[in-house]
Amino acid sequence: MNEHTDSTIAPFYFKKCTEKPNASAVKIKLSSSISDFPFRYTFNCSEKISLASNETLNLQNWFSFIISKQTLPKLSTHDYYFYFDFTDSYNFLLDFDTSGNITNSADFKNNINNDFFDLESEIIKNTKSNYLLKVKLVVKERKITLDKMQLLTELLNALEALNNFSLMVKKV
């Protein structure tokens, strides 16, 4: 959109999906927007990413979850309130130069579903060199009661694991 940000709002709200290590040839195109509540924006982005090694693609900080162990370093000692209900969806199409297998894609899979939120993540192999990496986080309730705080802990741990995941790529 534009490069102007409100300094009173936390910076993780403004992180672009293309802000990844070793990214080049970045292109961002706004494909749809709703400027009235609930303010939905959809972007089509593309970029080239150099692998840190021939066998590893580090996904560290690919996702801009507004809740994390960094934003909530200590569990609340009372009911916890999200700022708002929200849905964050990430769909990354990984297109490798050569055929290969992601050997740890099963470890990326999550399916947390409860009264407060849903978290789904998976990697789908489309072709010999093409994969779809999907993550969807839905916050359904703004308030988590103290007696359900273990569900928030479970979510934070899963988000941390996703945001620090490395894909193991074996070329065939």
N, C-alpha and C. Protein backbone atom coordinates (compact mmCIF):
# COMPACT_ATOMS: atom_id res chain seq x y z
N MET A 1 0.85 -1.15 0.00
CA MET A 1 0.00 0.00 0.00
C MET A 1 0.90 1.23 0.00
N ASN A 2 1.11 1.85 1.14
CA ASN A 2 2.05 2.96 1.14
C ASN A 2 3.06 2.76 2.25
N GLU A 3 4.01 3.63 2.34
CA GLU A 3 5.09 3.45 3.30
C GLU A 3 4.90 4.27 4.58
N HIS A 4 3.72 4.84 4.78
CA HIS A 4 3.45 5.64 5.97
C HIS A 4 2.88 4.75 7.06
N THR A 5 3.45 4.84 8.24
CA THR A 5 2.95 4.06 9.36
C THR A 5 2.73 4.96 10.56
N ASP A 6 1.79 4.57 11.38
CA ASP A 6 1.47 5.28 12.61
C ASP A 6 2.42 4.78 13.70
N SER A 7 3.22 5.65 14.26
CA SER A 7 4.23 5.25 15.24
C SER A 7 3.63 4.75 16.55
N THR A 8 2.35 4.97 16.77
CA THR A 8 1.71 4.49 18.01
C THR A 8 1.22 3.05 17.88
N ILE A 9 1.32 2.47 16.70
CA ILE A 9 0.85 1.11 16.47
C ILE A 9 2.06 0.18 16.38
N ALA A 10 1.94 -0.99 17.00
CA ALA A 10 3.05 -1.95 17.03
C ALA A 10 3.54 -2.28 15.62
N PRO A 11 4.85 -2.34 15.41
CA PRO A 11 5.42 -2.53 14.07
C PRO A 11 5.07 -3.85 13.39
N PHE A 12 4.75 -4.91 14.18
CA PHE A 12 4.45 -6.19 13.53
C PHE A 12 3.17 -6.14 12.71
N TYR A 13 2.34 -5.11 12.90
CA TYR A 13 1.15 -4.95 12.06
C TYR A 13 1.51 -4.52 10.64
N PHE A 14 2.70 -3.99 10.45
CA PHE A 14 3.08 -3.42 9.16
C PHE A 14 4.08 -4.26 8.38
N LYS A 15 4.42 -5.43 8.88
CA LYS A 15 5.41 -6.26 8.20
C LYS A 15 4.83 -6.79 6.90
N LYS A 16 5.59 -6.64 5.83
CA LYS A 16 5.15 -7.14 4.52
C LYS A 16 5.48 -8.62 4.39
N CYS A 17 4.65 -9.33 3.66
CA CYS A 17 4.87 -10.77 3.48
C CYS A 17 6.14 -11.07 2.70
N THR A 18 6.71 -10.08 2.06
CA THR A 18 7.92 -10.28 1.26
C THR A 18 9.20 -9.97 2.05
N GLU A 19 9.09 -9.60 3.29
CA GLU A 19 10.27 -9.28 4.10
C GLU A 19 10.86 -10.57 4.65
N LYS A 20 11.64 -11.22 3.80
CA LYS A 20 12.26 -12.49 4.16
C LYS A 20 13.77 -12.40 3.91
N PRO A 21 14.55 -13.15 4.67
CA PRO A 21 16.00 -13.15 4.43
C PRO A 21 16.31 -13.67 3.02
N ASN A 22 17.31 -13.09 2.40
CA ASN A 22 17.81 -13.49 1.08
C ASN A 22 16.79 -13.32 -0.05
N ALA A 23 15.82 -12.43 0.13
CA ALA A 23 14.80 -12.20 -0.91
C ALA A 23 15.29 -11.17 -1.92
N SER A 24 14.94 -11.41 -3.19
CA SER A 24 15.25 -10.46 -4.26
C SER A 24 14.11 -10.51 -5.27
N ALA A 25 14.13 -9.59 -6.22
CA ALA A 25 13.09 -9.50 -7.27
C ALA A 25 11.70 -9.49 -6.66
N VAL A 26 11.50 -8.67 -5.64
CA VAL A 26 10.24 -8.61 -4.91
C VAL A 26 9.20 -7.83 -5.71
N LYS A 27 8.00 -8.42 -5.83
CA LYS A 27 6.87 -7.77 -6.49
C LYS A 27 5.65 -7.92 -5.59
N ILE A 28 4.94 -6.82 -5.36
CA ILE A 28 3.73 -6.84 -4.53
C ILE A 28 2.61 -6.18 -5.32
N LYS A 29 1.48 -6.87 -5.40
CA LYS A 29 0.33 -6.33 -6.11
C LYS A 29 -0.92 -6.49 -5.23
N LEU A 30 -1.61 -5.41 -5.00
CA LEU A 30 -2.87 -5.45 -4.26
C LEU A 30 -3.92 -6.07 -5.18
N SER A 31 -4.49 -7.21 -4.77
CA SER A 31 -5.46 -7.87 -5.64
C SER A 31 -6.90 -7.59 -5.24
N SER A 32 -7.14 -7.27 -3.96
CA SER A 32 -8.48 -6.86 -3.53
C SER A 32 -8.38 -6.14 -2.19
N SER A 33 -9.36 -5.29 -1.95
CA SER A 33 -9.37 -4.57 -0.67
C SER A 33 -10.79 -4.18 -0.29
N ILE A 34 -11.01 -4.14 1.00
CA ILE A 34 -12.25 -3.62 1.57
C ILE A 34 -11.83 -2.55 2.56
N SER A 35 -12.15 -1.30 2.26
CA SER A 35 -11.70 -0.21 3.11
C SER A 35 -12.68 0.12 4.24
N ASP A 36 -13.77 -0.61 4.31
CA ASP A 36 -14.69 -0.51 5.44
C ASP A 36 -14.50 -1.74 6.32
N PHE A 37 -14.92 -1.62 7.57
CA PHE A 37 -14.79 -2.74 8.48
C PHE A 37 -15.39 -3.99 7.86
N PRO A 38 -14.71 -5.09 7.81
CA PRO A 38 -13.56 -5.54 8.60
C PRO A 38 -12.20 -5.32 7.95
N PHE A 39 -12.06 -4.41 6.99
CA PHE A 39 -10.77 -3.99 6.44
C PHE A 39 -9.94 -5.17 5.92
N ARG A 40 -10.40 -5.82 4.91
CA ARG A 40 -9.70 -6.97 4.35
C ARG A 40 -8.87 -6.54 3.14
N TYR A 41 -7.61 -6.95 3.15
CA TYR A 41 -6.71 -6.69 2.04
C TYR A 41 -6.08 -8.00 1.59
N THR A 42 -6.00 -8.21 0.30
CA THR A 42 -5.36 -9.40 -0.25
C THR A 42 -4.28 -8.94 -1.22
N PHE A 43 -3.10 -9.51 -1.06
CA PHE A 43 -1.96 -9.16 -1.90
C PHE A 43 -1.44 -10.40 -2.61
N ASN A 44 -1.03 -10.22 -3.84
CA ASN A 44 -0.28 -11.25 -4.57
C ASN A 44 1.17 -10.78 -4.59
N CYS A 45 2.03 -11.61 -4.07
CA CYS A 45 3.44 -11.24 -3.96
C CYS A 45 4.30 -12.32 -4.59
N SER A 46 5.42 -11.90 -5.13
CA SER A 46 6.39 -12.88 -5.64
C SER A 46 7.78 -12.37 -5.32
N GLU A 47 8.69 -13.33 -5.19
CA GLU A 47 10.08 -13.00 -4.89
C GLU A 47 10.93 -14.24 -5.12
N LYS A 48 12.20 -14.02 -5.27
CA LYS A 48 13.15 -15.12 -5.37
C LYS A 48 13.92 -15.15 -4.06
N ILE A 49 14.12 -16.37 -3.56
CA ILE A 49 14.83 -16.53 -2.29
C ILE A 49 15.97 -17.51 -2.49
N SER A 50 17.16 -17.09 -2.11
CA SER A 50 18.32 -17.98 -2.17
C SER A 50 18.32 -18.85 -0.92
N LEU A 51 18.56 -20.14 -1.12
CA LEU A 51 18.63 -21.04 0.02
C LEU A 51 19.90 -20.77 0.80
N ALA A 52 19.78 -20.80 2.12
CA ALA A 52 20.96 -20.59 2.97
C ALA A 52 21.96 -21.73 2.76
N SER A 53 21.43 -22.92 2.50
CA SER A 53 22.27 -24.06 2.14
C SER A 53 21.52 -24.80 1.03
N ASN A 54 22.15 -25.77 0.43
CA ASN A 54 21.50 -26.51 -0.65
C ASN A 54 20.33 -27.35 -0.17
N GLU A 55 20.22 -27.58 1.13
CA GLU A 55 19.22 -28.50 1.64
C GLU A 55 18.24 -27.87 2.62
N THR A 56 18.36 -26.58 2.92
CA THR A 56 17.53 -25.98 3.97
C THR A 56 16.92 -24.67 3.50
N LEU A 57 15.62 -24.53 3.75
CA LEU A 57 14.93 -23.26 3.54
C LEU A 57 14.35 -22.84 4.88
N ASN A 58 14.97 -21.83 5.48
CA ASN A 58 14.57 -21.36 6.80
C ASN A 58 13.34 -20.47 6.68
N LEU A 59 12.28 -20.79 7.40
CA LEU A 59 11.04 -20.01 7.39
C LEU A 59 10.97 -19.00 8.53
N GLN A 60 12.08 -18.78 9.19
CA GLN A 60 12.07 -17.88 10.34
C GLN A 60 11.55 -16.50 9.93
N ASN A 61 10.55 -16.05 10.65
CA ASN A 61 9.92 -14.74 10.47
C ASN A 61 9.21 -14.57 9.13
N TRP A 62 8.78 -15.65 8.52
CA TRP A 62 7.97 -15.54 7.31
C TRP A 62 6.55 -15.11 7.64
N PHE A 63 6.13 -15.33 8.87
CA PHE A 63 4.75 -15.07 9.28
C PHE A 63 4.70 -13.90 10.26
N SER A 64 3.68 -13.08 10.13
CA SER A 64 3.53 -11.90 11.00
C SER A 64 2.36 -12.09 11.95
N PHE A 65 2.45 -13.10 12.78
CA PHE A 65 1.38 -13.34 13.73
C PHE A 65 1.39 -12.21 14.76
N ILE A 66 0.22 -11.65 15.03
CA ILE A 66 0.19 -10.53 15.97
C ILE A 66 0.23 -10.99 17.42
N ILE A 67 0.15 -12.27 17.61
CA ILE A 67 0.35 -12.83 18.95
C ILE A 67 1.51 -13.81 18.86
N SER A 68 2.41 -13.71 19.80
CA SER A 68 3.60 -14.57 19.81
C SER A 68 4.20 -14.54 21.20
N LYS A 69 5.22 -15.35 21.39
CA LYS A 69 5.92 -15.33 22.68
C LYS A 69 6.66 -14.00 22.88
N GLN A 70 6.93 -13.28 21.79
CA GLN A 70 7.57 -11.97 21.93
C GLN A 70 6.56 -10.91 22.38
N THR A 71 5.34 -11.00 21.86
CA THR A 71 4.31 -10.01 22.25
C THR A 71 3.65 -10.37 23.57
N LEU A 72 3.74 -11.63 23.96
CA LEU A 72 3.17 -12.09 25.23
C LEU A 72 4.19 -12.98 25.93
N PRO A 73 5.27 -12.37 26.45
CA PRO A 73 6.37 -13.17 27.01
C PRO A 73 5.99 -13.96 28.27
N LYS A 74 5.01 -13.45 29.02
CA LYS A 74 4.55 -14.15 30.22
C LYS A 74 3.06 -14.39 30.08
N LEU A 75 2.64 -15.56 30.50
CA LEU A 75 1.21 -15.83 30.46
C LEU A 75 0.47 -14.92 31.43
N SER A 76 -0.69 -14.55 31.03
CA SER A 76 -1.52 -13.66 31.82
C SER A 76 -1.93 -14.34 33.13
N THR A 77 -2.04 -13.57 34.17
CA THR A 77 -2.51 -14.08 35.46
C THR A 77 -3.98 -13.76 35.65
N HIS A 78 -4.61 -13.31 34.58
CA HIS A 78 -6.05 -13.03 34.57
C HIS A 78 -6.57 -13.31 33.17
N ASP A 79 -7.82 -13.08 32.93
CA ASP A 79 -8.37 -13.31 31.59
C ASP A 79 -7.55 -12.53 30.57
N TYR A 80 -7.37 -13.14 29.39
CA TYR A 80 -6.61 -12.48 28.33
C TYR A 80 -7.56 -12.01 27.24
N TYR A 81 -7.32 -10.80 26.74
CA TYR A 81 -8.15 -10.22 25.70
C TYR A 81 -7.32 -9.95 24.45
N PHE A 82 -7.77 -10.49 23.31
CA PHE A 82 -7.19 -10.12 22.03
C PHE A 82 -7.69 -8.73 21.68
N TYR A 83 -6.94 -7.99 20.88
CA TYR A 83 -7.38 -6.66 20.44
C TYR A 83 -8.67 -6.76 19.65
N PHE A 84 -8.78 -7.82 18.84
CA PHE A 84 -9.96 -7.99 17.98
C PHE A 84 -9.96 -9.41 17.44
N ASP A 85 -11.11 -9.86 16.95
CA ASP A 85 -11.19 -11.14 16.24
C ASP A 85 -10.47 -10.93 14.91
N PHE A 86 -9.77 -11.94 14.42
CA PHE A 86 -9.09 -11.78 13.14
C PHE A 86 -8.82 -13.12 12.49
N THR A 87 -8.51 -13.06 11.22
CA THR A 87 -8.06 -14.21 10.45
C THR A 87 -6.81 -13.79 9.69
N ASP A 88 -5.77 -14.57 9.83
CA ASP A 88 -4.55 -14.38 9.05
C ASP A 88 -4.34 -15.63 8.21
N SER A 89 -4.21 -15.45 6.91
CA SER A 89 -3.99 -16.58 6.01
C SER A 89 -2.72 -16.34 5.20
N TYR A 90 -1.90 -17.36 5.13
CA TYR A 90 -0.68 -17.31 4.33
C TYR A 90 -0.72 -18.48 3.37
N ASN A 91 -0.49 -18.22 2.11
CA ASN A 91 -0.37 -19.25 1.08
C ASN A 91 0.87 -18.93 0.27
N PHE A 92 1.91 -19.72 0.47
CA PHE A 92 3.16 -19.53 -0.25
C PHE A 92 3.31 -20.65 -1.27
N LEU A 93 3.48 -20.28 -2.51
CA LEU A 93 3.74 -21.26 -3.56
C LEU A 93 5.26 -21.33 -3.73
N LEU A 94 5.82 -22.46 -3.39
CA LEU A 94 7.27 -22.66 -3.48
C LEU A 94 7.55 -23.38 -4.78
N ASP A 95 8.33 -22.75 -5.63
CA ASP A 95 8.66 -23.31 -6.93
C ASP A 95 10.18 -23.42 -7.02
N PHE A 96 10.69 -24.63 -6.83
CA PHE A 96 12.13 -24.86 -6.84
C PHE A 96 12.63 -25.00 -8.27
N ASP A 97 13.90 -24.65 -8.48
CA ASP A 97 14.51 -24.74 -9.81
C ASP A 97 14.56 -26.16 -10.34
N THR A 98 14.74 -27.12 -9.44
CA THR A 98 14.85 -28.53 -9.84
C THR A 98 13.88 -29.36 -9.00
N SER A 99 13.68 -30.59 -9.41
CA SER A 99 12.82 -31.51 -8.66
C SER A 99 13.41 -31.74 -7.28
N GLY A 100 12.53 -31.89 -6.32
CA GLY A 100 12.99 -32.15 -4.97
C GLY A 100 11.86 -32.55 -4.05
N ASN A 101 12.22 -33.04 -2.90
CA ASN A 101 11.25 -33.42 -1.88
C ASN A 101 11.51 -32.62 -0.62
N ILE A 102 10.45 -32.15 -0.01
CA ILE A 102 10.55 -31.57 1.33
C ILE A 102 10.37 -32.74 2.28
N THR A 103 11.44 -33.12 2.94
CA THR A 103 11.44 -34.36 3.71
C THR A 103 10.77 -34.23 5.08
N ASN A 104 10.56 -33.02 5.57
CA ASN A 104 9.96 -32.84 6.89
C ASN A 104 8.62 -32.11 6.82
N SER A 105 7.92 -32.23 5.72
CA SER A 105 6.64 -31.51 5.58
C SER A 105 5.61 -31.97 6.61
N ALA A 106 5.64 -33.22 7.03
CA ALA A 106 4.69 -33.71 8.04
C ALA A 106 4.87 -32.98 9.37
N ASP A 107 6.09 -32.56 9.68
CA ASP A 107 6.35 -31.84 10.93
C ASP A 107 5.77 -30.43 10.93
N PHE A 108 5.45 -29.91 9.76
CA PHE A 108 4.89 -28.55 9.64
C PHE A 108 3.38 -28.56 9.88
N LYS A 109 2.76 -29.71 9.81
CA LYS A 109 1.30 -29.82 9.88
C LYS A 109 0.78 -29.54 11.30
N ASN A 110 -0.22 -28.67 11.38
CA ASN A 110 -0.91 -28.35 12.62
C ASN A 110 -2.41 -28.36 12.38
N ASN A 111 -3.15 -28.71 13.41
CA ASN A 111 -4.59 -28.59 13.35
C ASN A 111 -5.09 -28.40 14.78
N ILE A 112 -5.12 -27.16 15.22
CA ILE A 112 -5.63 -26.81 16.54
C ILE A 112 -7.00 -26.17 16.32
N ASN A 113 -8.00 -26.71 16.97
CA ASN A 113 -9.35 -26.18 16.81
C ASN A 113 -10.04 -26.23 18.16
N ASN A 114 -10.41 -25.05 18.66
CA ASN A 114 -11.16 -24.99 19.92
C ASN A 114 -12.12 -23.81 19.87
N ASP A 115 -12.74 -23.49 20.96
CA ASP A 115 -13.74 -22.41 20.98
C ASP A 115 -13.13 -21.03 20.76
N PHE A 116 -11.82 -20.90 20.96
CA PHE A 116 -11.18 -19.59 20.91
C PHE A 116 -10.46 -19.31 19.59
N PHE A 117 -9.83 -20.32 19.03
CA PHE A 117 -9.10 -20.11 17.79
C PHE A 117 -8.90 -21.41 17.03
N ASP A 118 -8.57 -21.24 15.75
CA ASP A 118 -8.19 -22.34 14.87
C ASP A 118 -6.81 -22.03 14.31
N LEU A 119 -5.97 -23.04 14.23
CA LEU A 119 -4.69 -22.92 13.56
C LEU A 119 -4.52 -24.15 12.69
N GLU A 120 -4.37 -23.90 11.41
CA GLU A 120 -4.13 -24.99 10.46
C GLU A 120 -2.89 -24.65 9.64
N SER A 121 -2.04 -25.63 9.47
CA SER A 121 -0.87 -25.44 8.61
C SER A 121 -0.54 -26.77 7.94
N GLU A 122 -0.08 -26.67 6.70
CA GLU A 122 0.31 -27.87 5.97
C GLU A 122 1.12 -27.49 4.75
N ILE A 123 1.81 -28.48 4.21
CA ILE A 123 2.56 -28.33 2.97
C ILE A 123 2.03 -29.37 2.00
N ILE A 124 1.61 -28.91 0.83
CA ILE A 124 1.03 -29.78 -0.18
C ILE A 124 1.95 -29.81 -1.39
N LYS A 125 2.32 -31.01 -1.82
CA LYS A 125 3.16 -31.15 -3.02
C LYS A 125 2.27 -31.12 -4.25
N ASN A 126 2.51 -30.14 -5.13
CA ASN A 126 1.73 -30.00 -6.36
C ASN A 126 2.36 -30.73 -7.54
N THR A 127 3.66 -30.53 -7.71
CA THR A 127 4.41 -31.17 -8.80
C THR A 127 5.77 -31.59 -8.24
N LYS A 128 6.65 -32.04 -9.12
CA LYS A 128 7.98 -32.48 -8.68
C LYS A 128 8.80 -31.35 -8.05
N SER A 129 8.51 -30.12 -8.42
CA SER A 129 9.31 -28.99 -7.92
C SER A 129 8.45 -27.89 -7.31
N ASN A 130 7.16 -28.14 -7.11
CA ASN A 130 6.24 -27.09 -6.69
C ASN A 130 5.44 -27.55 -5.46
N TYR A 131 5.43 -26.69 -4.43
CA TYR A 131 4.72 -26.99 -3.19
C TYR A 131 3.87 -25.79 -2.78
N LEU A 132 2.76 -26.05 -2.10
CA LEU A 132 1.95 -25.01 -1.50
C LEU A 132 2.09 -25.11 0.01
N LEU A 133 2.56 -24.03 0.62
CA LEU A 133 2.70 -23.94 2.06
C LEU A 133 1.56 -23.07 2.56
N LYS A 134 0.71 -23.64 3.42
CA LYS A 134 -0.49 -22.94 3.88
C LYS A 134 -0.51 -22.81 5.40
N VAL A 135 -0.86 -21.61 5.88
CA VAL A 135 -1.07 -21.38 7.30
C VAL A 135 -2.30 -20.50 7.45
N LYS A 136 -3.19 -20.89 8.34
CA LYS A 136 -4.37 -20.06 8.62
C LYS A 136 -4.59 -20.03 10.12
N LEU A 137 -4.66 -18.81 10.66
CA LEU A 137 -4.93 -18.58 12.08
C LEU A 137 -6.21 -17.77 12.18
N VAL A 138 -7.17 -18.28 12.95
CA VAL A 138 -8.44 -17.59 13.17
C VAL A 138 -8.64 -17.42 14.66
N VAL A 139 -8.81 -16.18 15.11
CA VAL A 139 -9.18 -15.91 16.49
C VAL A 139 -10.69 -15.68 16.50
N LYS A 140 -11.40 -16.56 17.20
CA LYS A 140 -12.86 -16.55 17.18
C LYS A 140 -13.48 -15.82 18.36
N GLU A 141 -12.75 -15.75 19.45
CA GLU A 141 -13.24 -15.08 20.66
C GLU A 141 -12.19 -14.08 21.13
N ARG A 142 -12.64 -12.93 21.55
CA ARG A 142 -11.70 -11.90 22.00
C ARG A 142 -11.18 -12.15 23.40
N LYS A 143 -11.87 -12.97 24.18
CA LYS A 143 -11.50 -13.19 25.58
C LYS A 143 -11.21 -14.66 25.82
N ILE A 144 -10.07 -14.92 26.46
CA ILE A 144 -9.73 -16.26 26.94
C ILE A 144 -9.72 -16.19 28.46
N THR A 145 -10.55 -17.00 29.07
CA THR A 145 -10.63 -16.98 30.53
C THR A 145 -9.40 -17.66 31.13
N LEU A 146 -9.10 -17.29 32.35
CA LEU A 146 -7.91 -17.78 33.02
C LEU A 146 -7.87 -19.31 33.06
N ASP A 147 -9.00 -19.94 33.25
CA ASP A 147 -9.03 -21.40 33.33
C ASP A 147 -8.75 -22.08 31.99
N LYS A 148 -8.71 -21.32 30.88
CA LYS A 148 -8.43 -21.85 29.54
C LYS A 148 -7.07 -21.39 29.02
N MET A 149 -6.24 -20.86 29.92
CA MET A 149 -4.96 -20.29 29.52
C MET A 149 -4.02 -21.33 28.89
N GLN A 150 -4.19 -22.62 29.20
CA GLN A 150 -3.35 -23.66 28.58
C GLN A 150 -3.58 -23.71 27.08
N LEU A 151 -4.77 -23.32 26.61
CA LEU A 151 -5.04 -23.27 25.17
C LEU A 151 -4.23 -22.17 24.50
N LEU A 152 -4.07 -21.05 25.19
CA LEU A 152 -3.24 -19.96 24.67
C LEU A 152 -1.77 -20.39 24.63
N THR A 153 -1.33 -21.11 25.66
CA THR A 153 0.04 -21.64 25.67
C THR A 153 0.26 -22.58 24.50
N GLU A 154 -0.69 -23.45 24.23
CA GLU A 154 -0.60 -24.37 23.10
C GLU A 154 -0.50 -23.61 21.78
N LEU A 155 -1.30 -22.57 21.63
CA LEU A 155 -1.25 -21.75 20.41
C LEU A 155 0.10 -21.05 20.27
N LEU A 156 0.58 -20.42 21.34
CA LEU A 156 1.86 -19.72 21.28
C LEU A 156 3.00 -20.67 20.92
N ASN A 157 2.99 -21.87 21.47
CA ASN A 157 4.04 -22.85 21.15
C ASN A 157 3.97 -23.27 19.68
N ALA A 158 2.77 -23.47 19.17
CA ALA A 158 2.61 -23.87 17.76
C ALA A 158 3.05 -22.75 16.83
N LEU A 159 2.69 -21.50 17.13
CA LEU A 159 3.10 -20.36 16.30
C LEU A 159 4.61 -20.18 16.32
N GLU A 160 5.21 -20.35 17.49
CA GLU A 160 6.67 -20.24 17.62
C GLU A 160 7.35 -21.31 16.76
N ALA A 161 6.83 -22.53 16.79
CA ALA A 161 7.41 -23.61 16.00
C ALA A 161 7.30 -23.32 14.50
N LEU A 162 6.15 -22.80 14.06
CA LEU A 162 5.99 -22.46 12.65
C LEU A 162 6.94 -21.35 12.23
N ASN A 163 7.07 -20.35 13.08
CA ASN A 163 7.89 -19.18 12.73
C ASN A 163 9.39 -19.46 12.84
N ASN A 164 9.76 -20.62 13.34
CA ASN A 164 11.18 -20.99 13.42
C ASN A 164 11.46 -22.27 12.66
N PHE A 165 10.55 -22.66 11.79
CA PHE A 165 10.67 -23.91 11.06
C PHE A 165 11.66 -23.79 9.91
N SER A 166 12.35 -24.86 9.63
CA SER A 166 13.23 -24.94 8.45
C SER A 166 12.80 -26.14 7.61
N LEU A 167 12.58 -25.89 6.34
CA LEU A 167 12.24 -26.97 5.42
C LEU A 167 13.51 -27.69 5.02
N MET A 168 13.47 -29.01 5.05
CA MET A 168 14.59 -29.82 4.62
C MET A 168 14.29 -30.26 3.19
N VAL A 169 15.10 -29.79 2.23
CA VAL A 169 14.86 -30.04 0.82
C VAL A 169 15.91 -31.03 0.30
N LYS A 170 15.43 -32.11 -0.27
CA LYS A 170 16.33 -33.10 -0.85
C LYS A 170 16.09 -33.10 -2.37
N LYS A 171 17.10 -32.71 -3.10
CA LYS A 171 16.99 -32.70 -4.57
C LYS A 171 17.04 -34.12 -5.10
N VAL A 172 16.22 -34.36 -6.12
CA VAL A 172 16.14 -35.69 -6.69
C VAL A 172 16.82 -35.73 -8.05
